[in-house]
Amino acid sequence: MTGQTHAGRPNKLLRNLNAKIASIPMILVAVVIFLGGTIWTVLYSFTNSKLLPRLKFVGIEQYERLWVAPRWLVSIENLAIYGVFTLVFSLVIGFVLAALMDQKIRFENTFRTIFLYPFALSFIVTGLVWQWVLNPEYGVQSVVRSLGWTSFTFDPLYNSEIVIYGVLIAGLWQGTGLVMCLLLAGLRGIDEDIWKAARVDGIPMWKTYLLIVIPMMRPVFITTLVIIASGIVRVYDLVVAQTSGGPGIASEVPAKYVYDYMFQAQNLGQGFAASTMMLITVSIIIIPWAYLEFGGKKRG
């Protein structure tokens, strides 16, 4: 009887064999290029490579130089400010827009397209557009002054103390539409009976969202947070297009620091060290997400 059971049950290794064979190139690319490149970067971050990589180890010297460099410290501070405000405002604005769109409003498809359109643009285009919009000579400041408010001042890209907030405006304009669509998909997955039961019980709509709907959308929020956070760590194009890191080094970010040291300053060791720190930051984001998404499911 046992023999018949084993004979009738297909070998697990042979299930979906064609799909497994087709995935071999992708697995090889992931292992050789991504994993191999990561190990190579970390390894050479402990060397004094300049124009070309060379295995002359200097220990943690590159990291010591990195964490005393004013430019790197400014870039970390900017990334923290940009990251916190991007996470908060994109989630809040995106959820409010998604909740409004979920009310089955007229011309919903049109509004959804309008809100999502900025995400279809490249970051370079977005950065250039907002560079013009925030330019004091012919942007918002110029328009408002032409209306009579001659003392009005709004030039964030030219003020070293608030320049990162000018970059933040462009980032929110581009990314909030995607957050809205992700959260709208989560809202559309909520059972209609829950809304009916809340109305019957007389629960206010805001309390229904806060106490019932948002907790049920936890997986959607986690995925959205990971997408936003990974984009924050890699922010580069917006800064280059809007300010090129200026005024001075006031709008520097880690990704630009890595690029400049690897391709302009010809200091590969320092660039690899900065890249490794960015890798650690991404790992801090991805590992908890993977644990919450997959570890919880296995326990369940």
Protein backbone atom coordinates (compact mmCIF):
# COMPACT_ATOMS: atom_id res chain seq x y z
CA MET A 1 0.00 0.00 0.00
CA THR A 2 2.81 2.38 0.92
CA GLY A 3 4.63 1.54 -2.28
CA GLN A 4 1.56 2.35 -4.34
CA THR A 5 1.19 5.68 -2.58
CA HIS A 6 4.79 6.64 -3.33
CA ALA A 7 4.48 5.43 -6.91
CA GLY A 8 1.30 7.41 -7.52
CA ARG A 9 2.73 10.59 -6.06
CA PRO A 10 4.97 12.51 -8.51
CA ASN A 11 8.46 13.28 -7.44
CA LYS A 12 8.63 16.82 -6.09
CA LEU A 13 11.84 17.46 -7.98
CA LEU A 14 10.08 16.78 -11.29
CA ARG A 15 7.11 19.08 -10.63
CA ASN A 16 7.05 22.15 -12.88
CA LEU A 17 10.30 20.95 -14.43
CA ASN A 18 10.04 23.25 -17.45
CA ALA A 19 9.55 26.29 -15.22
CA LYS A 20 12.53 25.31 -13.10
CA ILE A 21 14.75 24.88 -16.15
CA ALA A 22 13.59 28.25 -17.54
CA SER A 23 14.47 29.96 -14.25
CA ILE A 24 18.09 28.74 -14.26
CA PRO A 25 19.45 31.73 -16.27
CA MET A 26 17.70 34.18 -13.94
CA ILE A 27 19.10 32.39 -10.88
CA LEU A 28 22.61 32.42 -12.36
CA VAL A 29 22.35 36.14 -13.12
CA ALA A 30 21.16 36.84 -9.58
CA VAL A 31 23.93 34.78 -7.99
CA VAL A 32 26.82 35.77 -10.26
CA ILE A 33 26.05 39.42 -10.91
CA PHE A 34 24.11 40.67 -7.89
CA LEU A 35 25.51 38.49 -5.13
CA GLY A 36 28.97 38.37 -6.71
CA GLY A 37 28.99 42.12 -7.28
CA THR A 38 27.93 42.74 -3.69
CA ILE A 39 30.72 40.57 -2.28
CA TRP A 40 33.23 42.19 -4.65
CA THR A 41 32.17 45.69 -3.53
CA VAL A 42 32.41 44.86 0.17
CA LEU A 43 35.79 43.17 -0.32
CA TYR A 44 37.32 46.13 -2.17
CA SER A 45 35.94 48.62 0.36
CA PHE A 46 38.79 47.44 2.62
CA THR A 47 41.44 48.33 0.03
CA ASN A 48 43.01 51.61 -1.07
CA SER A 49 41.87 51.23 -4.69
CA LYS A 50 42.08 54.46 -6.64
CA LEU A 51 41.58 54.61 -10.40
CA LEU A 52 41.55 50.80 -10.74
CA PRO A 53 40.69 48.08 -8.19
CA ARG A 54 43.68 46.55 -6.43
CA LEU A 55 43.88 44.12 -3.54
CA LYS A 56 45.98 46.19 -1.17
CA PHE A 57 44.10 45.92 2.11
CA VAL A 58 44.07 48.86 4.52
CA GLY A 59 41.53 47.52 7.02
CA ILE A 60 38.77 49.92 8.01
CA GLU A 61 40.72 52.99 6.93
CA GLN A 62 38.23 53.87 4.19
CA TYR A 63 35.34 53.73 6.68
CA GLU A 64 37.24 55.93 9.14
CA ARG A 65 37.77 58.50 6.42
CA LEU A 66 34.15 58.20 5.36
CA TRP A 67 32.70 58.96 8.79
CA VAL A 68 34.85 62.04 9.35
CA ALA A 69 34.20 63.51 5.89
CA PRO A 70 31.90 66.58 6.21
CA ARG A 71 30.37 65.85 2.81
CA TRP A 72 29.33 62.33 3.84
CA LEU A 73 27.90 63.55 7.17
CA VAL A 74 25.87 66.21 5.36
CA SER A 75 24.60 63.60 2.91
CA ILE A 76 23.49 61.33 5.76
CA GLU A 77 21.69 64.22 7.47
CA ASN A 78 19.96 65.13 4.20
CA LEU A 79 18.94 61.52 3.61
CA ALA A 80 17.46 61.31 7.11
CA ILE A 81 15.43 64.52 6.63
CA TYR A 82 14.33 63.56 3.13
CA GLY A 83 13.51 60.01 4.23
CA VAL A 84 11.42 60.86 7.29
CA PHE A 85 9.35 63.52 5.54
CA THR A 86 8.93 61.40 2.41
CA LEU A 87 7.68 58.42 4.40
CA VAL A 88 5.24 60.47 6.46
CA PHE A 89 3.86 62.77 3.78
CA SER A 90 3.68 60.22 0.95
CA LEU A 91 1.80 57.76 3.15
CA VAL A 92 -0.57 60.38 4.59
CA ILE A 93 -1.26 62.14 1.29
CA GLY A 94 -1.41 58.86 -0.63
CA PHE A 95 -3.88 57.32 1.82
CA VAL A 96 -6.11 60.41 1.87
CA LEU A 97 -6.20 60.45 -1.95
CA ALA A 98 -6.86 56.69 -2.03
CA ALA A 99 -9.71 57.05 0.49
CA LEU A 100 -11.26 59.83 -1.59
CA MET A 101 -10.90 57.80 -4.79
CA ASP A 102 -12.49 54.83 -3.06
CA GLN A 103 -15.76 56.76 -2.72
CA LYS A 104 -16.61 55.90 -6.34
CA ILE A 105 -16.30 59.49 -7.47
CA ARG A 106 -17.08 60.60 -11.02
CA PHE A 107 -14.22 60.61 -13.51
CA GLU A 108 -12.21 58.37 -11.19
CA ASN A 109 -10.10 56.98 -14.03
CA THR A 110 -9.21 60.50 -15.15
CA PHE A 111 -8.15 61.61 -11.67
CA ARG A 112 -6.20 58.39 -11.13
CA THR A 113 -4.31 58.96 -14.38
CA ILE A 114 -3.54 62.56 -13.44
CA PHE A 115 -2.19 61.60 -10.01
CA LEU A 116 -0.16 58.70 -11.38
CA TYR A 117 1.21 60.57 -14.40
CA PRO A 118 4.22 62.14 -12.59
CA PHE A 119 5.47 58.66 -11.72
CA ALA A 120 5.74 57.89 -15.43
CA LEU A 121 8.32 60.67 -15.81
CA SER A 122 11.99 60.07 -15.18
CA PHE A 123 13.53 61.62 -12.08
CA ILE A 124 15.74 63.79 -14.29
CA VAL A 125 12.69 65.29 -16.03
CA THR A 126 10.95 65.79 -12.70
CA GLY A 127 14.03 67.46 -11.24
CA LEU A 128 14.37 69.84 -14.19
CA VAL A 129 10.65 70.74 -14.10
CA TRP A 130 10.80 71.59 -10.41
CA GLN A 131 14.06 73.44 -10.87
CA TRP A 132 12.15 75.79 -13.17
CA VAL A 133 9.10 75.94 -10.90
CA LEU A 134 11.21 76.84 -7.86
CA ASN A 135 13.48 79.25 -9.71
CA PRO A 136 13.00 82.70 -8.12
CA GLU A 137 13.36 84.54 -11.44
CA TYR A 138 10.49 82.87 -13.34
CA GLY A 139 8.95 80.33 -10.97
CA VAL A 140 6.53 80.52 -8.05
CA GLN A 141 8.26 83.51 -6.45
CA SER A 142 8.13 85.52 -9.68
CA VAL A 143 4.44 84.71 -10.27
CA VAL A 144 3.38 85.66 -6.74
CA ARG A 145 5.36 88.91 -6.85
CA SER A 146 3.75 89.81 -10.17
CA LEU A 147 0.37 89.56 -8.41
CA GLY A 148 1.35 92.30 -5.98
CA TRP A 149 3.12 90.53 -3.09
CA THR A 150 6.50 92.05 -3.91
CA SER A 151 8.12 90.95 -0.63
CA PHE A 152 7.22 87.27 -1.12
CA THR A 153 10.28 85.00 -1.08
CA PHE A 154 10.30 81.33 -2.07
CA ASP A 155 13.67 80.07 -3.28
CA PRO A 156 14.38 76.77 -1.48
CA LEU A 157 16.87 75.54 -4.07
CA TYR A 158 19.06 78.60 -3.49
CA ASN A 159 18.95 78.53 0.31
CA SER A 160 21.42 76.07 1.83
CA GLU A 161 19.34 75.70 5.02
CA ILE A 162 16.17 74.50 3.27
CA VAL A 163 17.40 73.19 -0.08
CA ILE A 164 16.65 69.57 0.82
CA TYR A 165 12.98 70.53 1.25
CA GLY A 166 12.95 71.76 -2.34
CA VAL A 167 14.12 68.31 -3.41
CA LEU A 168 11.47 66.81 -1.11
CA ILE A 169 8.68 68.71 -2.91
CA ALA A 170 9.71 67.22 -6.26
CA GLY A 171 10.01 63.73 -4.76
CA LEU A 172 6.55 63.89 -3.21
CA TRP A 173 5.03 65.18 -6.44
CA GLN A 174 6.42 62.24 -8.36
CA GLY A 175 5.96 59.39 -5.89
CA THR A 176 2.67 60.10 -4.11
CA GLY A 177 0.59 58.91 -7.07
CA LEU A 178 2.13 55.44 -6.91
CA VAL A 179 1.48 55.27 -3.15
CA MET A 180 -2.13 56.28 -3.80
CA CYS A 181 -2.59 53.46 -6.34
CA LEU A 182 -1.05 50.84 -4.04
CA LEU A 183 -3.23 51.86 -1.11
CA LEU A 184 -6.30 52.16 -3.33
CA ALA A 185 -5.79 48.56 -4.42
CA GLY A 186 -5.66 47.61 -0.73
CA LEU A 187 -8.86 49.53 0.01
CA ARG A 188 -10.65 47.86 -2.89
CA GLY A 189 -9.75 44.50 -1.33
CA ILE A 190 -11.70 45.29 1.87
CA ASP A 191 -14.95 43.33 2.09
CA GLU A 192 -17.99 45.54 1.52
CA ASP A 193 -19.75 43.83 4.42
CA ILE A 194 -17.29 45.45 6.82
CA TRP A 195 -18.37 48.90 5.69
CA LYS A 196 -22.04 47.94 5.98
CA ALA A 197 -21.55 46.55 9.48
CA ALA A 198 -19.71 49.72 10.56
CA ARG A 199 -22.54 51.91 9.25
CA VAL A 200 -25.16 49.77 10.99
CA ASP A 201 -23.26 50.06 14.30
CA GLY A 202 -23.01 53.83 13.84
CA ILE A 203 -19.19 53.90 13.75
CA PRO A 204 -17.90 57.15 12.22
CA MET A 205 -16.08 56.76 8.94
CA TRP A 206 -12.78 58.11 10.30
CA LYS A 207 -12.88 55.61 13.15
CA THR A 208 -13.68 52.77 10.72
CA TYR A 209 -10.57 53.65 8.73
CA LEU A 210 -8.39 54.06 11.81
CA LEU A 211 -9.46 51.03 13.85
CA ILE A 212 -10.62 48.52 11.24
CA VAL A 213 -9.50 49.26 7.68
CA ILE A 214 -5.88 50.36 8.26
CA PRO A 215 -5.01 47.32 10.47
CA MET A 216 -6.50 45.04 7.78
CA MET A 217 -4.25 46.70 5.17
CA ARG A 218 -1.06 45.92 7.08
CA PRO A 219 0.57 43.85 4.27
CA VAL A 220 -0.13 46.62 1.74
CA PHE A 221 1.36 49.25 4.05
CA ILE A 222 4.47 47.16 4.67
CA THR A 223 5.05 46.62 0.95
CA THR A 224 4.46 50.31 0.26
CA LEU A 225 6.91 51.29 3.01
CA VAL A 226 9.59 49.04 1.52
CA ILE A 227 9.10 50.52 -1.96
CA ILE A 228 9.28 54.08 -0.60
CA ALA A 229 12.28 53.36 1.63
CA SER A 230 14.30 51.69 -1.13
CA GLY A 231 13.67 54.71 -3.35
CA ILE A 232 14.77 57.06 -0.57
CA VAL A 233 18.12 55.33 -0.10
CA ARG A 234 18.81 55.45 -3.85
CA VAL A 235 17.74 59.08 -4.42
CA TYR A 236 20.21 60.61 -6.88
CA ASP A 237 18.60 61.85 -10.08
CA LEU A 238 16.42 64.49 -8.41
CA VAL A 239 19.38 66.04 -6.62
CA VAL A 240 21.58 66.07 -9.72
CA ALA A 241 18.84 67.61 -11.90
CA GLN A 242 17.74 70.22 -9.35
CA THR A 243 20.86 71.32 -7.49
CA SER A 244 23.88 69.15 -8.43
CA GLY A 245 24.45 68.86 -4.69
CA GLY A 246 24.51 72.64 -4.10
CA PRO A 247 24.55 75.27 -2.86
CA GLY A 248 28.02 74.05 -1.91
CA ILE A 249 27.41 70.59 -0.46
CA ALA A 250 24.08 71.51 1.16
CA SER A 251 21.99 68.99 -0.81
CA GLU A 252 24.45 66.11 -1.05
CA VAL A 253 23.04 62.58 -0.72
CA PRO A 254 24.87 59.24 -0.29
CA ALA A 255 24.20 58.00 -3.84
CA LYS A 256 25.76 61.14 -5.31
CA TYR A 257 28.71 60.81 -2.93
CA VAL A 258 29.31 57.26 -4.20
CA TYR A 259 29.08 58.28 -7.85
CA ASP A 260 31.41 61.27 -7.46
CA TYR A 261 34.11 59.31 -5.63
CA MET A 262 33.99 56.34 -7.97
CA PHE A 263 33.83 58.14 -11.32
CA GLN A 264 35.09 61.68 -10.74
CA ALA A 265 37.47 61.64 -7.78
CA GLN A 266 38.83 58.26 -8.96
CA ASN A 267 38.83 56.91 -5.42
CA LEU A 268 37.21 53.51 -5.78
CA GLY A 269 38.00 52.41 -2.22
CA GLN A 270 36.10 55.35 -0.73
CA GLY A 271 33.22 54.85 -3.16
CA PHE A 272 33.02 51.15 -2.30
CA ALA A 273 32.97 51.96 1.43
CA ALA A 274 30.07 54.38 0.92
CA SER A 275 28.28 51.81 -1.26
CA THR A 276 28.66 49.22 1.50
CA MET A 277 27.07 51.59 4.01
CA MET A 278 24.15 52.07 1.62
CA LEU A 279 23.91 48.29 1.25
CA ILE A 280 23.68 47.94 5.03
CA THR A 281 20.90 50.54 5.09
CA VAL A 282 18.93 48.66 2.42
CA SER A 283 19.46 45.38 4.31
CA ILE A 284 18.06 46.96 7.46
CA ILE A 285 14.92 47.72 5.46
CA ILE A 286 14.61 44.49 3.46
CA ILE A 287 15.37 41.90 6.17
CA PRO A 288 12.60 42.98 8.60
CA TRP A 289 10.17 43.21 5.66
CA ALA A 290 11.04 39.69 4.51
CA TYR A 291 10.65 38.41 8.06
CA LEU A 292 7.26 40.07 8.49
CA GLU A 293 6.02 38.94 5.09
CA PHE A 294 7.31 35.37 4.97
CA GLY A 295 8.23 34.47 8.52
CA GLY A 296 4.77 35.35 9.77
CA LYS A 297 3.12 33.28 7.04
CA LYS A 298 5.18 30.22 7.93
CA ARG A 299 4.24 30.55 11.59
CA GLY A 300 0.62 30.92 10.59
